[in-house]
């Protein structure tokens, strides 16, 4: 399980931090996770394990079931992975500004820390 707090987690391949202490507490408690997100709780745990197991954002699969994808609009510059439709786990690179490629896009090979922002239905 993830450690509580707002700072990056030591020992993870990708450093994971959280938008808020409340979100960190929910994601670190089996009972709070189930109470807050119901049927999505087991899927959330799997997606968090996936994010913890990779060395960089480029290694998070872009195909289902994870389906890492870049967001636009209100969440421009953020990414999401699928949970149970229509729910998504939304995160952003922790680096500010994120590493960029020559074409201006994010260099996913160099993004090694993220901030989990929310779990929501943004559709």
Protein backbone atom coordinates (compact mmCIF):
# COMPACT_ATOMS: atom_id res chain seq x y z
CA UNK A 1 0.00 0.00 0.00
CA UNK A 2 1.06 3.58 -0.48
CA UNK A 3 2.56 5.58 2.34
CA UNK A 4 0.55 8.46 3.74
CA UNK A 5 1.69 12.00 3.18
CA UNK A 6 2.26 14.54 0.48
CA UNK A 7 5.88 13.81 -0.30
CA UNK A 8 7.26 11.28 -2.74
CA UNK A 9 7.35 7.69 -1.63
CA UNK A 10 10.83 6.32 -0.98
CA UNK A 11 11.68 3.05 -2.68
CA UNK A 12 9.22 3.32 -5.55
CA UNK A 13 10.52 3.23 -9.06
CA UNK A 14 8.22 6.16 -9.90
CA UNK A 15 7.92 8.65 -7.05
CA UNK A 16 4.25 9.08 -6.18
CA UNK A 17 2.85 11.96 -4.17
CA UNK A 18 -0.69 13.19 -3.59
CA UNK A 19 -2.67 16.37 -4.10
CA UNK A 20 -3.80 16.25 -0.47
CA UNK A 21 -3.25 14.42 2.77
CA UNK A 22 -6.92 13.37 2.69
CA UNK A 23 -6.46 11.63 -0.67
CA UNK A 24 -3.27 9.96 0.59
CA UNK A 25 -5.12 8.69 3.66
CA UNK A 26 -7.98 7.28 1.57
CA UNK A 27 -5.63 5.53 -0.85
CA UNK A 28 -3.70 4.01 2.06
CA UNK A 29 -6.68 2.63 3.95
CA UNK A 30 -8.54 -0.44 2.73
CA UNK A 31 -11.71 0.57 4.59
CA UNK A 32 -11.62 4.24 3.50
CA UNK A 33 -10.89 3.21 -0.08
CA UNK A 34 -13.89 0.87 -0.14
CA UNK A 35 -16.15 3.41 1.57
CA UNK A 36 -15.14 6.26 -0.76
CA UNK A 37 -14.91 4.41 -4.08
CA UNK A 38 -16.96 1.22 -3.65
CA UNK A 39 -16.63 -1.18 -6.59
CA UNK A 40 -13.71 0.86 -7.93
CA UNK A 41 -11.56 0.14 -4.85
CA UNK A 42 -9.96 -3.10 -6.15
CA UNK A 43 -9.28 -1.55 -9.56
CA UNK A 44 -7.75 1.53 -7.93
CA UNK A 45 -5.38 -0.70 -5.96
CA UNK A 46 -4.30 -2.46 -9.17
CA UNK A 47 -3.71 0.83 -11.02
CA UNK A 48 -1.69 2.21 -8.11
CA UNK A 49 0.40 -0.97 -8.10
CA UNK A 50 1.01 -0.50 -11.83
CA UNK A 51 2.12 3.10 -11.30
CA UNK A 52 4.40 2.01 -8.44
CA UNK A 53 6.02 -0.74 -10.53
CA UNK A 54 7.23 1.28 -13.52
CA UNK A 55 10.47 3.25 -13.88
CA UNK A 56 8.94 6.07 -15.91
CA UNK A 57 5.58 7.20 -17.25
CA UNK A 58 6.34 5.75 -20.70
CA UNK A 59 6.08 2.26 -19.18
CA UNK A 60 2.43 2.69 -18.11
CA UNK A 61 0.44 0.85 -20.81
CA UNK A 62 -1.60 2.88 -23.28
CA UNK A 63 -3.81 -0.12 -23.99
CA UNK A 64 -6.61 -1.45 -21.78
CA UNK A 65 -6.98 -2.14 -18.97
CA UNK A 66 -4.75 0.77 -17.83
CA UNK A 67 -4.98 2.90 -20.98
CA UNK A 68 -2.74 5.80 -19.93
CA UNK A 69 -3.85 8.87 -21.86
CA UNK A 70 -3.08 12.57 -21.94
CA UNK A 71 -5.96 14.85 -20.99
CA UNK A 72 -7.05 18.17 -22.45
CA UNK A 73 -9.39 20.99 -21.45
CA UNK A 74 -9.63 21.52 -17.71
CA UNK A 75 -6.97 18.83 -17.20
CA UNK A 76 -4.50 19.88 -19.90
CA UNK A 77 -1.08 18.44 -19.13
CA UNK A 78 -2.49 15.75 -16.86
CA UNK A 79 -2.83 12.03 -17.50
CA UNK A 80 -5.40 9.42 -16.54
CA UNK A 81 -5.68 5.67 -16.34
CA UNK A 82 -8.99 3.86 -16.65
CA UNK A 83 -10.87 2.41 -13.72
CA UNK A 84 -14.45 1.14 -14.11
CA UNK A 85 -16.15 3.21 -16.79
CA UNK A 86 -16.53 6.18 -16.55
CA UNK A 87 -14.12 6.63 -13.61
CA UNK A 88 -10.45 7.61 -14.01
CA UNK A 89 -7.42 8.03 -11.78
CA UNK A 90 -6.00 11.45 -12.72
CA UNK A 91 -2.37 12.46 -12.16
CA UNK A 92 0.22 14.90 -13.43
CA UNK A 93 3.99 14.93 -13.72
CA UNK A 94 5.51 16.26 -10.49
CA UNK A 95 8.29 18.06 -12.32
CA UNK A 96 7.42 21.69 -13.09
CA UNK A 97 7.80 22.09 -15.96
CA UNK A 98 7.69 18.45 -17.07
CA UNK A 99 10.57 17.22 -19.24
CA UNK A 100 9.82 17.95 -22.90
CA UNK A 101 10.82 16.44 -26.22
CA UNK A 102 11.94 18.58 -29.15
CA UNK A 103 8.39 18.57 -30.56
CA UNK A 104 7.10 20.10 -27.30
CA UNK A 105 5.35 16.99 -25.99
CA UNK A 106 6.15 15.44 -22.64
CA UNK A 107 9.22 13.21 -22.58
CA UNK A 108 7.57 10.25 -20.87
CA UNK A 109 10.90 8.43 -20.55
CA UNK A 110 12.11 11.20 -18.23
CA UNK A 111 8.96 11.58 -16.12
CA UNK A 112 9.78 9.62 -12.98
CA UNK A 113 7.57 11.34 -10.41
CA UNK A 114 3.84 12.01 -10.42
CA UNK A 115 1.19 13.66 -8.26
CA UNK A 116 -2.11 11.85 -7.95
CA UNK A 117 -4.78 14.52 -8.22
CA UNK A 118 -8.12 12.75 -8.01
CA UNK A 119 -10.32 9.80 -8.86
CA UNK A 120 -13.33 11.05 -10.75
CA UNK A 121 -15.70 10.91 -13.70
CA UNK A 122 -14.68 13.93 -15.80
CA UNK A 123 -16.93 13.04 -18.74
